[in-house]
Amino acid sequence: MKLGQTPSQTVGPYFAYGLTPEQYLYNFRSAFRPVLVRDDTPGTLIEIRGRVFDGAGNPVGDAMIEIAHADADGKFVDTLQDVERTGFTGFGRCGTGTDLANRFSFQTVKPGACGPDEAPYVNVIVTMRGMLLHAFTRIYFEDEAAANAKDAVLASVPAERRDTLIARREAREGRIAYTFDIHMQGDRETVFFDL
């Protein structure tokens, strides 16, 4: 009897236990959290919130979102001393499975531009059940139109799809907030980068 090749293993729901345990009420501490700042972190404190949608337009309840970005001065965290001095960690992780609306939410600082011809941005990694590999995208900010127009990465995206990378600004509970929904497939599919 000749056996055929077994299918590839997709990412299962087990990642919540190891990567976002506190969020799912497991009794051990998360290495990374959705709060990347302290109240005294330099810069403009913001919230980034959104949902992940599947190809049918349904919210995904078992996605994990990771973000990484520069501080308010456009510098990435290099050392533990940077984190201790500023309170900014530069990296956060959040699952969508514990919010009633299946949202992710990050408390962070609005990043500065890393260079003269770059817009402020947030790197995003999406992991969820059924995916063989995680997906990479970016968040740009709608209130940075002039900087967005000069950004080479954003300019490399077809004009009709650039809006899938733009977070919408709103005021929420006294803090500046941005909404960024991620569409895995469909008419509004978010632009993902092949890294």
N, C-alpha and C. Protein backbone atom coordinates (compact mmCIF):
# COMPACT_ATOMS: atom_id res chain seq x y z
N MET A 1 0.84 -1.17 0.00
CA MET A 1 0.00 0.00 0.00
C MET A 1 0.89 1.24 0.00
N LYS A 2 0.67 2.12 -0.97
CA LYS A 2 1.46 3.34 -1.06
C LYS A 2 0.66 4.48 -0.43
N LEU A 3 1.29 5.16 0.51
CA LEU A 3 0.64 6.28 1.18
C LEU A 3 0.98 7.59 0.47
N GLY A 4 0.01 8.48 0.41
CA GLY A 4 0.24 9.79 -0.19
C GLY A 4 0.83 10.76 0.81
N GLN A 5 1.19 11.91 0.29
CA GLN A 5 1.76 12.95 1.14
C GLN A 5 0.70 13.49 2.09
N THR A 6 1.08 13.71 3.33
CA THR A 6 0.15 14.32 4.28
C THR A 6 0.10 15.82 4.05
N PRO A 7 -1.04 16.43 4.34
CA PRO A 7 -1.15 17.87 4.11
C PRO A 7 -0.29 18.64 5.10
N SER A 8 0.07 19.86 4.71
CA SER A 8 0.83 20.73 5.60
C SER A 8 0.01 21.05 6.84
N GLN A 9 0.68 21.29 7.93
CA GLN A 9 0.01 21.64 9.19
C GLN A 9 -0.29 23.14 9.18
N THR A 10 -1.52 23.49 9.38
CA THR A 10 -1.87 24.91 9.49
C THR A 10 -1.65 25.37 10.93
N VAL A 11 -1.63 26.66 11.10
CA VAL A 11 -1.51 27.22 12.45
C VAL A 11 -2.80 26.93 13.19
N GLY A 12 -2.70 26.34 14.35
CA GLY A 12 -3.89 25.98 15.12
C GLY A 12 -4.20 27.02 16.18
N PRO A 13 -5.24 26.81 16.93
CA PRO A 13 -5.63 27.76 17.97
C PRO A 13 -4.74 27.71 19.21
N TYR A 14 -3.79 26.76 19.23
CA TYR A 14 -2.93 26.58 20.39
C TYR A 14 -2.03 27.77 20.67
N PHE A 15 -1.80 28.65 19.70
CA PHE A 15 -0.86 29.75 19.92
C PHE A 15 -1.33 30.69 21.02
N ALA A 16 -2.63 30.75 21.29
CA ALA A 16 -3.14 31.63 22.35
C ALA A 16 -2.55 31.24 23.70
N TYR A 17 -2.44 29.95 23.95
CA TYR A 17 -1.94 29.48 25.25
C TYR A 17 -0.52 29.96 25.50
N GLY A 18 0.33 29.84 24.50
CA GLY A 18 1.73 30.19 24.68
C GLY A 18 2.07 31.64 24.43
N LEU A 19 1.30 32.31 23.61
CA LEU A 19 1.70 33.66 23.19
C LEU A 19 0.87 34.78 23.80
N THR A 20 -0.37 34.51 24.19
CA THR A 20 -1.20 35.53 24.86
C THR A 20 -1.92 34.92 26.05
N PRO A 21 -1.19 34.28 26.95
CA PRO A 21 -1.85 33.51 28.02
C PRO A 21 -2.70 34.34 28.97
N GLU A 22 -2.23 35.52 29.38
CA GLU A 22 -3.00 36.33 30.33
C GLU A 22 -4.35 36.73 29.74
N GLN A 23 -4.34 37.03 28.47
CA GLN A 23 -5.57 37.45 27.80
C GLN A 23 -6.62 36.34 27.86
N TYR A 24 -6.18 35.09 27.84
CA TYR A 24 -7.09 33.96 27.87
C TYR A 24 -7.20 33.35 29.27
N LEU A 25 -6.74 34.11 30.28
CA LEU A 25 -6.86 33.77 31.70
C LEU A 25 -6.06 32.54 32.11
N TYR A 26 -4.98 32.23 31.37
CA TYR A 26 -4.07 31.19 31.82
C TYR A 26 -3.21 31.77 32.93
N ASN A 27 -2.70 30.92 33.77
CA ASN A 27 -2.03 31.36 34.97
C ASN A 27 -0.52 31.56 34.77
N PHE A 28 -0.11 32.20 33.71
CA PHE A 28 1.27 32.62 33.57
C PHE A 28 1.33 33.87 32.71
N ARG A 29 2.43 34.57 32.84
CA ARG A 29 2.55 35.93 32.29
C ARG A 29 2.92 35.91 30.80
N SER A 30 2.32 36.83 30.06
CA SER A 30 2.64 37.01 28.64
C SER A 30 4.01 37.67 28.51
N ALA A 31 4.77 37.24 27.52
CA ALA A 31 6.05 37.89 27.24
C ALA A 31 5.82 39.28 26.65
N PHE A 32 4.77 39.42 25.83
CA PHE A 32 4.45 40.70 25.20
C PHE A 32 2.96 40.96 25.35
N ARG A 33 2.63 42.20 25.57
CA ARG A 33 1.25 42.59 25.84
C ARG A 33 0.77 43.62 24.83
N PRO A 34 -0.52 43.94 24.86
CA PRO A 34 -1.05 44.95 23.94
C PRO A 34 -0.83 46.39 24.42
N VAL A 35 -0.19 46.57 25.57
CA VAL A 35 0.15 47.90 26.06
C VAL A 35 1.65 48.09 25.90
N LEU A 36 2.04 49.01 25.01
CA LEU A 36 3.45 49.21 24.68
C LEU A 36 4.05 50.42 25.37
N VAL A 37 3.27 51.11 26.22
CA VAL A 37 3.70 52.39 26.79
C VAL A 37 3.36 52.48 28.28
N ARG A 38 3.97 53.48 28.91
CA ARG A 38 3.54 53.94 30.23
C ARG A 38 2.86 55.29 30.03
N ASP A 39 2.21 55.79 31.05
CA ASP A 39 1.56 57.09 30.94
C ASP A 39 2.55 58.22 30.69
N ASP A 40 3.82 58.06 31.10
CA ASP A 40 4.82 59.10 30.91
C ASP A 40 5.70 58.89 29.68
N THR A 41 5.34 57.96 28.81
CA THR A 41 6.12 57.73 27.59
C THR A 41 6.06 58.98 26.72
N PRO A 42 7.22 59.48 26.24
CA PRO A 42 7.23 60.67 25.39
C PRO A 42 6.47 60.45 24.08
N GLY A 43 5.76 61.48 23.64
CA GLY A 43 5.02 61.42 22.39
C GLY A 43 3.52 61.44 22.62
N THR A 44 2.78 61.24 21.54
CA THR A 44 1.32 61.23 21.59
C THR A 44 0.83 59.81 21.82
N LEU A 45 0.19 59.59 22.97
CA LEU A 45 -0.34 58.26 23.26
C LEU A 45 -1.59 58.03 22.44
N ILE A 46 -1.67 56.85 21.83
CA ILE A 46 -2.78 56.51 20.94
C ILE A 46 -3.27 55.10 21.24
N GLU A 47 -4.44 54.81 20.71
CA GLU A 47 -4.97 53.44 20.68
C GLU A 47 -5.12 53.04 19.22
N ILE A 48 -4.73 51.82 18.90
CA ILE A 48 -4.99 51.24 17.58
C ILE A 48 -5.91 50.06 17.82
N ARG A 49 -7.08 50.10 17.19
CA ARG A 49 -8.06 49.04 17.40
C ARG A 49 -8.66 48.64 16.06
N GLY A 50 -9.00 47.38 15.94
CA GLY A 50 -9.64 46.90 14.73
C GLY A 50 -10.05 45.46 14.86
N ARG A 51 -10.52 44.92 13.76
CA ARG A 51 -10.93 43.51 13.70
C ARG A 51 -10.31 42.87 12.47
N VAL A 52 -10.23 41.56 12.51
CA VAL A 52 -9.77 40.77 11.38
C VAL A 52 -11.01 40.11 10.78
N PHE A 53 -11.17 40.22 9.47
CA PHE A 53 -12.33 39.64 8.78
C PHE A 53 -11.87 38.57 7.81
N ASP A 54 -12.66 37.49 7.72
CA ASP A 54 -12.36 36.44 6.74
C ASP A 54 -12.94 36.82 5.38
N GLY A 55 -12.81 35.94 4.41
CA GLY A 55 -13.26 36.23 3.06
C GLY A 55 -14.75 36.43 2.92
N ALA A 56 -15.53 35.90 3.86
CA ALA A 56 -16.99 36.08 3.83
C ALA A 56 -17.43 37.32 4.59
N GLY A 57 -16.47 38.08 5.15
CA GLY A 57 -16.80 39.28 5.89
C GLY A 57 -17.13 39.06 7.35
N ASN A 58 -16.83 37.86 7.87
CA ASN A 58 -17.11 37.55 9.27
C ASN A 58 -15.89 37.87 10.14
N PRO A 59 -16.10 38.42 11.33
CA PRO A 59 -14.97 38.67 12.22
C PRO A 59 -14.31 37.36 12.64
N VAL A 60 -12.99 37.36 12.71
CA VAL A 60 -12.22 36.18 13.09
C VAL A 60 -11.96 36.24 14.59
N GLY A 61 -12.37 35.20 15.29
CA GLY A 61 -12.24 35.18 16.74
C GLY A 61 -11.00 34.51 17.26
N ASP A 62 -10.12 34.03 16.39
CA ASP A 62 -8.92 33.35 16.89
C ASP A 62 -7.66 33.86 16.21
N ALA A 63 -7.66 35.13 15.82
CA ALA A 63 -6.46 35.72 15.21
C ALA A 63 -5.56 36.28 16.30
N MET A 64 -4.29 36.37 16.00
CA MET A 64 -3.35 37.04 16.88
C MET A 64 -2.63 38.11 16.05
N ILE A 65 -2.61 39.32 16.57
CA ILE A 65 -1.98 40.43 15.89
C ILE A 65 -0.75 40.84 16.68
N GLU A 66 0.35 41.04 15.97
CA GLU A 66 1.57 41.56 16.57
C GLU A 66 1.92 42.85 15.85
N ILE A 67 2.37 43.84 16.62
CA ILE A 67 2.80 45.10 16.01
C ILE A 67 4.21 45.45 16.50
N ALA A 68 4.93 46.16 15.65
CA ALA A 68 6.25 46.68 16.00
C ALA A 68 6.41 48.01 15.27
N HIS A 69 6.94 48.99 15.99
CA HIS A 69 7.14 50.29 15.34
C HIS A 69 8.13 51.15 16.12
N ALA A 70 8.51 52.24 15.50
CA ALA A 70 9.45 53.18 16.09
C ALA A 70 8.76 54.03 17.15
N ASP A 71 9.54 54.72 17.96
CA ASP A 71 8.99 55.62 18.96
C ASP A 71 8.59 56.96 18.32
N ALA A 72 8.22 57.91 19.14
CA ALA A 72 7.75 59.20 18.62
C ALA A 72 8.82 59.96 17.86
N ASP A 73 10.09 59.63 18.10
CA ASP A 73 11.20 60.28 17.38
C ASP A 73 11.64 59.50 16.15
N GLY A 74 10.94 58.42 15.82
CA GLY A 74 11.30 57.63 14.65
C GLY A 74 12.44 56.66 14.89
N LYS A 75 12.71 56.33 16.15
CA LYS A 75 13.80 55.41 16.48
C LYS A 75 13.22 54.11 17.05
N PHE A 76 13.76 52.99 16.60
CA PHE A 76 13.35 51.70 17.13
C PHE A 76 14.06 51.42 18.44
N VAL A 77 13.42 50.66 19.31
CA VAL A 77 14.01 50.30 20.59
C VAL A 77 15.21 49.39 20.34
N ASP A 78 16.36 49.74 20.93
CA ASP A 78 17.57 48.95 20.75
C ASP A 78 17.96 48.15 21.98
N THR A 79 17.66 48.71 23.16
CA THR A 79 18.15 48.08 24.38
C THR A 79 17.06 48.07 25.45
N LEU A 80 17.26 47.24 26.45
CA LEU A 80 16.37 47.22 27.60
C LEU A 80 16.42 48.56 28.33
N GLN A 81 17.56 49.22 28.30
CA GLN A 81 17.68 50.53 28.93
C GLN A 81 16.77 51.55 28.24
N ASP A 82 16.60 51.44 26.92
CA ASP A 82 15.66 52.32 26.19
C ASP A 82 14.24 52.12 26.73
N VAL A 83 13.86 50.87 26.93
CA VAL A 83 12.52 50.55 27.44
C VAL A 83 12.36 51.10 28.86
N GLU A 84 13.34 50.89 29.70
CA GLU A 84 13.25 51.36 31.09
C GLU A 84 13.19 52.89 31.16
N ARG A 85 13.93 53.58 30.29
CA ARG A 85 13.98 55.03 30.30
C ARG A 85 12.68 55.65 29.80
N THR A 86 12.13 55.11 28.71
CA THR A 86 10.97 55.74 28.06
C THR A 86 9.64 55.06 28.37
N GLY A 87 9.69 53.79 28.76
CA GLY A 87 8.45 53.04 28.97
C GLY A 87 7.85 52.51 27.69
N PHE A 88 8.53 52.68 26.57
CA PHE A 88 8.03 52.21 25.28
C PHE A 88 8.74 50.91 24.91
N THR A 89 7.96 49.84 24.68
CA THR A 89 8.55 48.53 24.38
C THR A 89 8.83 48.31 22.90
N GLY A 90 8.07 48.97 22.03
CA GLY A 90 8.29 48.82 20.59
C GLY A 90 7.64 47.61 19.96
N PHE A 91 7.08 46.71 20.77
CA PHE A 91 6.47 45.48 20.23
C PHE A 91 5.29 45.11 21.11
N GLY A 92 4.18 44.72 20.48
CA GLY A 92 3.01 44.29 21.23
C GLY A 92 2.31 43.13 20.56
N ARG A 93 1.50 42.42 21.35
CA ARG A 93 0.80 41.23 20.85
C ARG A 93 -0.60 41.21 21.46
N CYS A 94 -1.61 40.87 20.63
CA CYS A 94 -2.98 40.82 21.11
C CYS A 94 -3.77 39.79 20.32
N GLY A 95 -4.55 38.98 21.01
CA GLY A 95 -5.46 38.04 20.36
C GLY A 95 -6.85 38.65 20.24
N THR A 96 -7.62 38.15 19.29
CA THR A 96 -8.98 38.67 19.08
C THR A 96 -10.04 37.85 19.80
N GLY A 97 -9.65 36.78 20.46
CA GLY A 97 -10.63 35.84 20.99
C GLY A 97 -11.28 36.18 22.31
N THR A 98 -10.84 37.21 22.99
CA THR A 98 -11.44 37.51 24.30
C THR A 98 -12.33 38.75 24.27
N ASP A 99 -12.33 39.49 23.19
CA ASP A 99 -13.18 40.67 23.05
C ASP A 99 -14.52 40.22 22.46
N LEU A 100 -15.62 40.72 23.00
CA LEU A 100 -16.95 40.30 22.52
C LEU A 100 -17.16 40.60 21.04
N ALA A 101 -16.50 41.66 20.53
CA ALA A 101 -16.62 42.01 19.11
C ALA A 101 -15.45 41.47 18.30
N ASN A 102 -14.62 40.61 18.91
CA ASN A 102 -13.45 40.03 18.24
C ASN A 102 -12.45 41.08 17.78
N ARG A 103 -12.25 42.11 18.60
CA ARG A 103 -11.31 43.18 18.26
C ARG A 103 -9.94 42.92 18.86
N PHE A 104 -8.93 43.52 18.24
CA PHE A 104 -7.62 43.67 18.86
C PHE A 104 -7.52 45.14 19.26
N SER A 105 -6.73 45.43 20.29
CA SER A 105 -6.58 46.80 20.75
C SER A 105 -5.20 46.98 21.35
N PHE A 106 -4.49 48.00 20.88
CA PHE A 106 -3.15 48.31 21.38
C PHE A 106 -3.11 49.72 21.93
N GLN A 107 -2.47 49.89 23.08
CA GLN A 107 -2.18 51.20 23.64
C GLN A 107 -0.70 51.44 23.35
N THR A 108 -0.42 52.51 22.61
CA THR A 108 0.96 52.75 22.19
C THR A 108 1.19 54.24 22.00
N VAL A 109 2.27 54.58 21.37
CA VAL A 109 2.60 55.97 21.05
C VAL A 109 2.61 56.09 19.53
N LYS A 110 2.18 57.24 19.04
CA LYS A 110 2.20 57.42 17.58
C LYS A 110 3.66 57.49 17.13
N PRO A 111 4.02 56.63 16.18
CA PRO A 111 5.43 56.61 15.74
C PRO A 111 5.79 57.86 14.94
N GLY A 112 7.05 58.22 15.02
CA GLY A 112 7.59 59.26 14.15
C GLY A 112 8.12 58.63 12.88
N ALA A 113 8.38 59.43 11.89
CA ALA A 113 8.95 58.94 10.64
C ALA A 113 10.40 58.51 10.89
N CYS A 114 10.80 57.41 10.29
CA CYS A 114 12.16 56.88 10.47
C CYS A 114 13.17 57.56 9.56
N GLY A 115 12.69 58.27 8.56
CA GLY A 115 13.58 58.97 7.62
C GLY A 115 12.84 60.10 6.94
N PRO A 116 13.56 60.96 6.21
CA PRO A 116 12.92 62.14 5.61
C PRO A 116 11.86 61.82 4.55
N ASP A 117 12.00 60.71 3.87
CA ASP A 117 11.02 60.36 2.83
C ASP A 117 10.16 59.17 3.24
N GLU A 118 9.97 58.99 4.54
CA GLU A 118 9.12 57.92 5.04
C GLU A 118 7.98 58.51 5.86
N ALA A 119 6.84 57.87 5.77
CA ALA A 119 5.70 58.24 6.62
C ALA A 119 5.78 57.42 7.90
N PRO A 120 5.19 57.91 8.99
CA PRO A 120 5.07 57.07 10.18
C PRO A 120 4.26 55.82 9.85
N TYR A 121 4.70 54.67 10.36
CA TYR A 121 3.99 53.42 10.09
C TYR A 121 4.16 52.45 11.24
N VAL A 122 3.31 51.43 11.25
CA VAL A 122 3.37 50.34 12.21
C VAL A 122 3.44 49.04 11.42
N ASN A 123 4.43 48.21 11.71
CA ASN A 123 4.50 46.88 11.10
C ASN A 123 3.51 45.96 11.80
N VAL A 124 2.81 45.12 11.03
CA VAL A 124 1.78 44.24 11.57
C VAL A 124 2.01 42.81 11.07
N ILE A 125 1.87 41.86 11.99
CA ILE A 125 1.91 40.44 11.64
C ILE A 125 0.59 39.82 12.07
N VAL A 126 -0.05 39.08 11.16
CA VAL A 126 -1.31 38.41 11.45
C VAL A 126 -1.07 36.91 11.45
N THR A 127 -1.49 36.25 12.53
CA THR A 127 -1.43 34.79 12.65
C THR A 127 -2.83 34.32 13.02
N MET A 128 -3.28 33.26 12.39
CA MET A 128 -4.60 32.72 12.74
C MET A 128 -4.74 31.29 12.25
N ARG A 129 -5.72 30.61 12.80
CA ARG A 129 -5.98 29.23 12.42
C ARG A 129 -6.24 29.13 10.92
N GLY A 130 -5.73 28.08 10.32
CA GLY A 130 -5.96 27.85 8.90
C GLY A 130 -4.90 28.44 7.99
N MET A 131 -4.02 29.25 8.53
CA MET A 131 -2.95 29.84 7.71
C MET A 131 -1.69 28.99 7.82
N LEU A 132 -1.01 28.79 6.70
CA LEU A 132 0.25 28.07 6.72
C LEU A 132 1.39 28.97 7.18
N LEU A 133 1.30 30.24 6.82
CA LEU A 133 2.31 31.24 7.19
C LEU A 133 1.59 32.48 7.69
N HIS A 134 2.25 33.22 8.57
CA HIS A 134 1.65 34.48 9.01
C HIS A 134 1.75 35.51 7.88
N ALA A 135 0.93 36.54 7.97
CA ALA A 135 0.86 37.58 6.93
C ALA A 135 1.42 38.89 7.49
N PHE A 136 2.10 39.64 6.63
CA PHE A 136 2.71 40.91 7.01
C PHE A 136 2.00 42.06 6.32
N THR A 137 1.72 43.11 7.06
CA THR A 137 1.16 44.33 6.47
C THR A 137 1.68 45.52 7.25
N ARG A 138 1.21 46.70 6.92
CA ARG A 138 1.59 47.93 7.61
C ARG A 138 0.36 48.77 7.86
N ILE A 139 0.46 49.59 8.90
CA ILE A 139 -0.55 50.60 9.18
C ILE A 139 0.08 51.97 8.94
N TYR A 140 -0.58 52.76 8.11
CA TYR A 140 -0.25 54.18 7.94
C TYR A 140 -1.41 54.98 8.52
N PHE A 141 -1.21 56.27 8.75
CA PHE A 141 -2.20 57.09 9.44
C PHE A 141 -2.82 58.11 8.50
N GLU A 142 -4.15 58.22 8.52
CA GLU A 142 -4.84 59.13 7.60
C GLU A 142 -4.48 60.59 7.83
N ASP A 143 -4.07 60.96 9.03
CA ASP A 143 -3.73 62.36 9.29
C ASP A 143 -2.27 62.67 8.96
N GLU A 144 -1.62 61.80 8.21
CA GLU A 144 -0.24 62.01 7.75
C GLU A 144 -0.20 62.01 6.22
N ALA A 145 -1.16 62.67 5.60
CA ALA A 145 -1.32 62.62 4.14
C ALA A 145 -0.06 63.08 3.40
N ALA A 146 0.56 64.17 3.83
CA ALA A 146 1.75 64.67 3.13
C ALA A 146 2.89 63.67 3.21
N ALA A 147 3.12 63.10 4.39
CA ALA A 147 4.18 62.10 4.54
C ALA A 147 3.84 60.83 3.78
N ASN A 148 2.57 60.42 3.81
CA ASN A 148 2.14 59.22 3.08
C ASN A 148 2.42 59.36 1.59
N ALA A 149 2.25 60.56 1.05
CA ALA A 149 2.44 60.80 -0.38
C ALA A 149 3.90 60.61 -0.79
N LYS A 150 4.85 60.76 0.15
CA LYS A 150 6.28 60.63 -0.15
C LYS A 150 6.83 59.24 0.17
N ASP A 151 6.06 58.40 0.84
CA ASP A 151 6.56 57.12 1.31
C ASP A 151 6.72 56.12 0.17
N ALA A 152 7.93 55.60 -0.02
CA ALA A 152 8.21 54.70 -1.15
C ALA A 152 7.46 53.38 -1.06
N VAL A 153 7.33 52.83 0.15
CA VAL A 153 6.63 51.55 0.29
C VAL A 153 5.15 51.74 -0.04
N LEU A 154 4.54 52.78 0.50
CA LEU A 154 3.13 53.03 0.21
C LEU A 154 2.93 53.33 -1.27
N ALA A 155 3.86 54.06 -1.89
CA ALA A 155 3.77 54.37 -3.32
C ALA A 155 3.90 53.13 -4.19
N SER A 156 4.53 52.06 -3.66
CA SER A 156 4.68 50.83 -4.44
C SER A 156 3.39 50.02 -4.52
N VAL A 157 2.41 50.39 -3.71
CA VAL A 157 1.12 49.71 -3.69
C VAL A 157 0.22 50.37 -4.74
N PRO A 158 -0.52 49.59 -5.54
CA PRO A 158 -1.43 50.21 -6.52
C PRO A 158 -2.36 51.22 -5.84
N ALA A 159 -2.55 52.35 -6.49
CA ALA A 159 -3.30 53.47 -5.90
C ALA A 159 -4.67 53.06 -5.39
N GLU A 160 -5.35 52.18 -6.11
CA GLU A 160 -6.70 51.79 -5.72
C GLU A 160 -6.73 50.88 -4.48
N ARG A 161 -5.55 50.42 -4.03
CA ARG A 161 -5.50 49.53 -2.86
C ARG A 161 -4.83 50.16 -1.65
N ARG A 162 -4.28 51.37 -1.81
CA ARG A 162 -3.54 52.00 -0.71
C ARG A 162 -4.40 52.25 0.51
N ASP A 163 -5.68 52.53 0.30
CA ASP A 163 -6.55 52.83 1.45
C ASP A 163 -6.69 51.63 2.39
N THR A 164 -6.35 50.41 1.96
CA THR A 164 -6.43 49.26 2.85
C THR A 164 -5.32 49.28 3.89
N LEU A 165 -4.36 50.21 3.73
CA LEU A 165 -3.26 50.34 4.67
C LEU A 165 -3.39 51.58 5.56
N ILE A 166 -4.48 52.31 5.42
CA ILE A 166 -4.64 53.58 6.14
C ILE A 166 -5.59 53.40 7.33
N ALA A 167 -5.10 53.76 8.53
CA ALA A 167 -5.93 53.73 9.74
C ALA A 167 -6.70 55.04 9.84
N ARG A 168 -7.95 54.95 10.22
CA ARG A 168 -8.84 56.12 10.35
C ARG A 168 -8.76 56.67 11.76
N ARG A 169 -8.58 57.99 11.85
CA ARG A 169 -8.46 58.65 13.16
C ARG A 169 -9.83 58.99 13.73
N GLU A 170 -9.95 58.85 15.05
CA GLU A 170 -11.17 59.24 15.74
C GLU A 170 -10.81 59.55 17.19
N ALA A 171 -11.67 60.27 17.87
CA ALA A 171 -11.49 60.52 19.30
C ALA A 171 -12.25 59.44 20.05
N ARG A 172 -11.59 58.84 21.01
CA ARG A 172 -12.23 57.77 21.77
C ARG A 172 -11.82 57.88 23.23
N GLU A 173 -12.78 58.21 24.08
CA GLU A 173 -12.56 58.26 25.53
C GLU A 173 -11.36 59.12 25.91
N GLY A 174 -11.27 60.30 25.29
CA GLY A 174 -10.22 61.25 25.64
C GLY A 174 -8.86 60.95 25.07
N ARG A 175 -8.72 59.93 24.27
CA ARG A 175 -7.43 59.56 23.68
C ARG A 175 -7.58 59.52 22.17
N ILE A 176 -6.52 59.87 21.49
CA ILE A 176 -6.53 59.74 20.03
C ILE A 176 -6.53 58.26 19.69
N ALA A 177 -7.41 57.87 18.81
CA ALA A 177 -7.54 56.46 18.45
C ALA A 177 -7.56 56.32 16.94
N TYR A 178 -7.12 55.17 16.49
CA TYR A 178 -7.12 54.83 15.07
C TYR A 178 -7.79 53.47 14.91
N THR A 179 -8.63 53.38 13.90
CA THR A 179 -9.28 52.11 13.58
C THR A 179 -8.63 51.54 12.33
N PHE A 180 -8.23 50.29 12.42
CA PHE A 180 -7.59 49.61 11.29
C PHE A 180 -8.11 48.18 11.24
N ASP A 181 -9.01 47.91 10.30
CA ASP A 181 -9.53 46.56 10.11
C ASP A 181 -8.69 45.83 9.08
N ILE A 182 -8.51 44.55 9.30
CA ILE A 182 -7.71 43.71 8.41
C ILE A 182 -8.64 42.73 7.73
N HIS A 183 -8.68 42.77 6.41
CA HIS A 183 -9.52 41.87 5.60
C HIS A 183 -8.59 40.85 4.94
N MET A 184 -8.75 39.59 5.31
CA MET A 184 -7.86 38.54 4.82
C MET A 184 -8.09 38.19 3.35
N GLN A 185 -9.32 38.39 2.87
CA GLN A 185 -9.67 38.10 1.48
C GLN A 185 -10.84 38.99 1.09
N GLY A 186 -11.23 38.91 -0.18
CA GLY A 186 -12.43 39.60 -0.62
C GLY A 186 -12.16 40.94 -1.29
N ASP A 187 -13.23 41.69 -1.52
CA ASP A 187 -13.14 42.95 -2.25
C ASP A 187 -12.28 43.99 -1.54
N ARG A 188 -12.24 43.95 -0.22
CA ARG A 188 -11.48 44.93 0.57
C ARG A 188 -10.21 44.31 1.15
N GLU A 189 -9.71 43.25 0.51
CA GLU A 189 -8.53 42.56 1.06
C GLU A 189 -7.41 43.54 1.35
N THR A 190 -6.89 43.46 2.55
CA THR A 190 -5.76 44.28 2.96
C THR A 190 -4.54 43.91 2.12
N VAL A 191 -3.72 44.88 1.82
CA VAL A 191 -2.47 44.61 1.11
C VAL A 191 -1.52 43.93 2.09
N PHE A 192 -1.00 42.77 1.69
CA PHE A 192 -0.01 42.06 2.47
C PHE A 192 1.30 42.05 1.69
N PHE A 193 2.41 42.04 2.42
CA PHE A 193 3.73 42.12 1.81
C PHE A 193 4.42 40.76 1.86
N ASP A 194 5.13 40.42 0.79
CA ASP A 194 5.85 39.17 0.70
C ASP A 194 7.27 39.42 1.21
N LEU A 195 7.53 39.03 2.45
CA LEU A 195 8.85 39.28 3.06
C LEU A 195 9.66 38.02 3.13
